[in-house]
Amino acid sequence: MKTGKAVEGWGWARKVQVVGKFALQHSAVLKMVWSNEQRAFAVETYFSQSHSIVAVQRAFRTRYQITPRDRVPDRKSILLWVENFRETGSVSEKR
């Protein structure tokens, strides 16, 4: 992912800590923050691509020049944005 872009979703991060001879792994969930522009693009694409999550992710990757190994919005996030849009008419986070 290029620097300076806001992203949201959930991802795993691992931290390895060495204690004596033992390496301990700590897993943490990272929350990604997506901009309202990116959320709106995902919702528009969802409706225009016959409700296909995979099509949204592919279009998102192309639109925002995200490399294959970098994160894109996951299924849960996209469906949450669509549900929020249907309920409120907005892609902004509920407060």
N, C-alpha and C. Protein backbone atom coordinates (compact mmCIF):
# COMPACT_ATOMS: atom_id res chain seq x y z
N MET A 1 0.85 -1.17 0.00
CA MET A 1 0.00 0.00 0.00
C MET A 1 0.89 1.22 0.00
N LYS A 2 0.51 2.22 -0.73
CA LYS A 2 1.27 3.45 -0.78
C LYS A 2 1.04 4.25 0.50
N THR A 3 2.03 4.99 0.88
CA THR A 3 1.91 5.76 2.12
C THR A 3 0.93 6.91 1.94
N GLY A 4 0.32 7.31 3.06
CA GLY A 4 -0.58 8.44 3.03
C GLY A 4 -2.02 8.08 2.72
N LYS A 5 -2.32 6.82 2.47
CA LYS A 5 -3.69 6.44 2.17
C LYS A 5 -4.35 5.89 3.42
N ALA A 6 -5.58 6.30 3.66
CA ALA A 6 -6.32 5.82 4.82
C ALA A 6 -6.99 4.50 4.45
N VAL A 7 -6.91 3.54 5.34
CA VAL A 7 -7.52 2.24 5.10
C VAL A 7 -8.23 1.74 6.34
N GLU A 8 -9.24 0.90 6.17
CA GLU A 8 -9.96 0.34 7.29
C GLU A 8 -10.28 -1.11 7.01
N GLY A 9 -10.51 -1.86 8.03
CA GLY A 9 -10.81 -3.28 7.94
C GLY A 9 -10.08 -3.93 9.10
N TRP A 10 -10.04 -5.21 9.13
CA TRP A 10 -9.36 -5.91 10.21
C TRP A 10 -8.23 -6.72 9.63
N GLY A 11 -7.12 -6.74 10.29
CA GLY A 11 -5.98 -7.53 9.86
C GLY A 11 -5.21 -8.04 11.07
N TRP A 12 -4.39 -9.01 10.85
CA TRP A 12 -3.61 -9.59 11.94
C TRP A 12 -2.18 -9.08 11.89
N ALA A 13 -1.65 -8.81 13.03
CA ALA A 13 -0.24 -8.44 13.14
C ALA A 13 0.38 -9.35 14.19
N ARG A 14 1.61 -9.73 13.99
CA ARG A 14 2.29 -10.58 14.95
C ARG A 14 3.53 -9.88 15.46
N LYS A 15 3.74 -10.01 16.73
CA LYS A 15 4.93 -9.47 17.35
C LYS A 15 5.64 -10.64 18.01
N VAL A 16 6.90 -10.77 17.72
CA VAL A 16 7.68 -11.86 18.30
C VAL A 16 8.58 -11.26 19.37
N GLN A 17 8.51 -11.85 20.55
CA GLN A 17 9.31 -11.40 21.66
C GLN A 17 10.22 -12.56 22.08
N VAL A 18 11.50 -12.30 22.21
CA VAL A 18 12.44 -13.35 22.61
C VAL A 18 12.69 -13.24 24.10
N VAL A 19 12.40 -14.32 24.81
CA VAL A 19 12.62 -14.38 26.25
C VAL A 19 13.54 -15.58 26.49
N GLY A 20 14.78 -15.31 26.84
CA GLY A 20 15.74 -16.41 27.02
C GLY A 20 15.91 -17.16 25.72
N LYS A 21 15.65 -18.47 25.73
CA LYS A 21 15.75 -19.30 24.52
C LYS A 21 14.43 -19.37 23.77
N PHE A 22 13.38 -18.83 24.33
CA PHE A 22 12.04 -19.00 23.77
C PHE A 22 11.57 -17.76 23.01
N ALA A 23 10.96 -18.01 21.88
CA ALA A 23 10.36 -16.91 21.11
C ALA A 23 8.85 -16.97 21.34
N LEU A 24 8.31 -15.91 21.86
CA LEU A 24 6.87 -15.84 22.11
C LEU A 24 6.21 -14.99 21.04
N GLN A 25 5.09 -15.46 20.50
CA GLN A 25 4.37 -14.69 19.49
C GLN A 25 3.12 -14.10 20.12
N HIS A 26 2.90 -12.84 19.82
CA HIS A 26 1.70 -12.15 20.29
C HIS A 26 0.92 -11.73 19.06
N SER A 27 -0.33 -12.12 18.99
CA SER A 27 -1.17 -11.71 17.88
C SER A 27 -2.04 -10.55 18.32
N ALA A 28 -2.23 -9.60 17.43
CA ALA A 28 -3.08 -8.45 17.71
C ALA A 28 -3.91 -8.16 16.47
N VAL A 29 -5.10 -7.69 16.69
CA VAL A 29 -5.96 -7.31 15.57
C VAL A 29 -5.78 -5.82 15.33
N LEU A 30 -5.51 -5.46 14.09
CA LEU A 30 -5.33 -4.06 13.72
C LEU A 30 -6.58 -3.57 13.02
N LYS A 31 -7.06 -2.39 13.37
CA LYS A 31 -8.21 -1.81 12.69
C LYS A 31 -7.69 -0.87 11.62
N MET A 32 -8.15 -1.09 10.40
CA MET A 32 -7.75 -0.26 9.28
C MET A 32 -8.81 0.84 9.12
N VAL A 33 -8.40 2.05 8.76
CA VAL A 33 -9.34 3.17 8.61
C VAL A 33 -9.42 3.54 7.13
N TRP A 34 -10.62 3.43 6.58
CA TRP A 34 -10.87 3.78 5.17
C TRP A 34 -11.52 5.15 5.12
N SER A 35 -11.21 5.93 4.10
CA SER A 35 -11.80 7.26 3.96
C SER A 35 -13.25 7.13 3.48
N ASN A 36 -14.03 8.21 3.66
CA ASN A 36 -15.42 8.20 3.19
C ASN A 36 -15.47 8.07 1.67
N GLU A 37 -14.50 8.64 0.97
CA GLU A 37 -14.44 8.52 -0.49
C GLU A 37 -14.27 7.05 -0.89
N GLN A 38 -13.40 6.33 -0.20
CA GLN A 38 -13.17 4.92 -0.49
C GLN A 38 -14.40 4.09 -0.14
N ARG A 39 -15.05 4.42 0.95
CA ARG A 39 -16.28 3.71 1.34
C ARG A 39 -17.37 3.91 0.29
N ALA A 40 -17.53 5.17 -0.15
CA ALA A 40 -18.55 5.47 -1.16
C ALA A 40 -18.26 4.73 -2.46
N PHE A 41 -16.99 4.69 -2.86
CA PHE A 41 -16.62 3.95 -4.07
C PHE A 41 -16.99 2.48 -3.94
N ALA A 42 -16.71 1.89 -2.78
CA ALA A 42 -17.02 0.48 -2.55
C ALA A 42 -18.53 0.23 -2.61
N VAL A 43 -19.32 1.11 -2.01
CA VAL A 43 -20.79 0.94 -2.02
C VAL A 43 -21.34 1.10 -3.43
N GLU A 44 -20.89 2.10 -4.16
CA GLU A 44 -21.34 2.30 -5.54
C GLU A 44 -20.99 1.09 -6.40
N THR A 45 -19.78 0.60 -6.25
CA THR A 45 -19.34 -0.55 -7.03
C THR A 45 -20.14 -1.80 -6.66
N TYR A 46 -20.45 -1.96 -5.39
CA TYR A 46 -21.25 -3.09 -4.92
C TYR A 46 -22.59 -3.13 -5.65
N PHE A 47 -23.26 -1.99 -5.74
CA PHE A 47 -24.56 -1.94 -6.41
C PHE A 47 -24.43 -2.09 -7.92
N SER A 48 -23.38 -1.52 -8.51
CA SER A 48 -23.23 -1.59 -9.97
C SER A 48 -22.69 -2.94 -10.45
N GLN A 49 -22.09 -3.72 -9.56
CA GLN A 49 -21.52 -5.01 -9.94
C GLN A 49 -22.36 -6.19 -9.43
N SER A 50 -23.66 -6.01 -9.36
CA SER A 50 -24.59 -7.09 -8.98
C SER A 50 -24.27 -7.70 -7.61
N HIS A 51 -23.93 -6.85 -6.66
CA HIS A 51 -23.71 -7.26 -5.27
C HIS A 51 -22.56 -8.25 -5.11
N SER A 52 -21.52 -8.10 -5.91
CA SER A 52 -20.35 -8.98 -5.85
C SER A 52 -19.24 -8.36 -5.01
N ILE A 53 -18.91 -9.01 -3.90
CA ILE A 53 -17.85 -8.54 -3.02
C ILE A 53 -16.50 -8.62 -3.73
N VAL A 54 -16.26 -9.72 -4.44
CA VAL A 54 -14.98 -9.91 -5.15
C VAL A 54 -14.80 -8.82 -6.20
N ALA A 55 -15.86 -8.48 -6.93
CA ALA A 55 -15.78 -7.43 -7.94
C ALA A 55 -15.45 -6.08 -7.29
N VAL A 56 -16.03 -5.83 -6.12
CA VAL A 56 -15.74 -4.59 -5.38
C VAL A 56 -14.26 -4.55 -5.00
N GLN A 57 -13.75 -5.65 -4.48
CA GLN A 57 -12.36 -5.70 -4.06
C GLN A 57 -11.41 -5.51 -5.24
N ARG A 58 -11.72 -6.12 -6.37
CA ARG A 58 -10.88 -5.96 -7.57
C ARG A 58 -10.90 -4.52 -8.07
N ALA A 59 -12.10 -3.93 -8.14
CA ALA A 59 -12.23 -2.55 -8.61
C ALA A 59 -11.52 -1.60 -7.64
N PHE A 60 -11.63 -1.87 -6.36
CA PHE A 60 -11.00 -1.04 -5.34
C PHE A 60 -9.48 -1.08 -5.50
N ARG A 61 -8.96 -2.27 -5.71
CA ARG A 61 -7.51 -2.44 -5.89
C ARG A 61 -7.03 -1.67 -7.12
N THR A 62 -7.81 -1.73 -8.19
CA THR A 62 -7.45 -1.02 -9.43
C THR A 62 -7.56 0.49 -9.24
N ARG A 63 -8.66 0.95 -8.68
CA ARG A 63 -8.94 2.38 -8.53
C ARG A 63 -7.90 3.08 -7.66
N TYR A 64 -7.50 2.43 -6.57
CA TYR A 64 -6.58 3.05 -5.62
C TYR A 64 -5.15 2.52 -5.74
N GLN A 65 -4.83 1.85 -6.84
CA GLN A 65 -3.49 1.33 -7.14
C GLN A 65 -2.88 0.59 -5.94
N ILE A 66 -3.64 -0.37 -5.43
CA ILE A 66 -3.17 -1.17 -4.30
C ILE A 66 -2.53 -2.43 -4.85
N THR A 67 -1.34 -2.73 -4.39
CA THR A 67 -0.61 -3.90 -4.88
C THR A 67 -1.29 -5.19 -4.40
N PRO A 68 -1.02 -6.30 -5.06
CA PRO A 68 -1.69 -7.56 -4.73
C PRO A 68 -1.57 -8.02 -3.27
N ARG A 69 -0.50 -7.70 -2.61
CA ARG A 69 -0.33 -8.17 -1.23
C ARG A 69 -0.83 -7.19 -0.17
N ASP A 70 -1.22 -6.01 -0.59
CA ASP A 70 -1.73 -5.03 0.37
C ASP A 70 -3.22 -5.24 0.60
N ARG A 71 -3.70 -4.70 1.69
CA ARG A 71 -5.09 -4.94 2.11
C ARG A 71 -6.10 -4.12 1.32
N VAL A 72 -7.25 -4.75 1.12
CA VAL A 72 -8.44 -4.09 0.57
C VAL A 72 -9.56 -4.34 1.57
N PRO A 73 -10.68 -3.63 1.46
CA PRO A 73 -11.78 -3.87 2.41
C PRO A 73 -12.24 -5.32 2.35
N ASP A 74 -12.49 -5.89 3.52
CA ASP A 74 -12.97 -7.27 3.56
C ASP A 74 -14.49 -7.32 3.40
N ARG A 75 -15.01 -8.52 3.26
CA ARG A 75 -16.44 -8.75 3.05
C ARG A 75 -17.28 -8.09 4.15
N LYS A 76 -16.87 -8.29 5.38
CA LYS A 76 -17.62 -7.76 6.52
C LYS A 76 -17.71 -6.23 6.46
N SER A 77 -16.60 -5.58 6.16
CA SER A 77 -16.59 -4.12 6.09
C SER A 77 -17.49 -3.60 4.97
N ILE A 78 -17.38 -4.21 3.79
CA ILE A 78 -18.18 -3.77 2.65
C ILE A 78 -19.66 -3.92 2.95
N LEU A 79 -20.06 -5.07 3.49
CA LEU A 79 -21.48 -5.30 3.81
C LEU A 79 -21.96 -4.36 4.90
N LEU A 80 -21.09 -4.01 5.85
CA LEU A 80 -21.44 -3.06 6.90
C LEU A 80 -21.67 -1.67 6.30
N TRP A 81 -20.81 -1.27 5.36
CA TRP A 81 -20.98 0.03 4.70
C TRP A 81 -22.27 0.08 3.90
N VAL A 82 -22.58 -1.01 3.19
CA VAL A 82 -23.80 -1.07 2.39
C VAL A 82 -25.02 -0.98 3.31
N GLU A 83 -25.00 -1.74 4.41
CA GLU A 83 -26.11 -1.71 5.36
C GLU A 83 -26.28 -0.31 5.95
N ASN A 84 -25.17 0.32 6.31
CA ASN A 84 -25.20 1.68 6.86
C ASN A 84 -25.76 2.66 5.83
N PHE A 85 -25.35 2.50 4.57
CA PHE A 85 -25.85 3.37 3.51
C PHE A 85 -27.36 3.21 3.33
N ARG A 86 -27.82 1.97 3.36
CA ARG A 86 -29.26 1.72 3.21
C ARG A 86 -30.06 2.33 4.36
N GLU A 87 -29.51 2.26 5.56
CA GLU A 87 -30.22 2.77 6.75
C GLU A 87 -30.17 4.29 6.88
N THR A 88 -29.01 4.89 6.56
CA THR A 88 -28.84 6.32 6.83
C THR A 88 -28.64 7.19 5.59
N GLY A 89 -28.33 6.54 4.45
CA GLY A 89 -28.04 7.31 3.24
C GLY A 89 -26.64 7.89 3.26
N SER A 90 -25.81 7.40 4.17
CA SER A 90 -24.45 7.90 4.31
C SER A 90 -23.48 6.73 4.48
N VAL A 91 -22.24 6.92 4.04
CA VAL A 91 -21.23 5.89 4.25
C VAL A 91 -20.35 6.20 5.45
N SER A 92 -20.59 7.32 6.11
CA SER A 92 -19.81 7.68 7.30
C SER A 92 -20.08 6.69 8.42
N GLU A 93 -19.10 6.57 9.33
CA GLU A 93 -19.26 5.68 10.46
C GLU A 93 -20.41 6.13 11.35
N LYS A 94 -21.14 5.15 11.91
CA LYS A 94 -22.18 5.48 12.88
C LYS A 94 -21.50 5.91 14.16
N ARG A 95 -22.03 6.90 14.81
CA ARG A 95 -21.45 7.40 16.07
C ARG A 95 -22.35 7.07 17.22
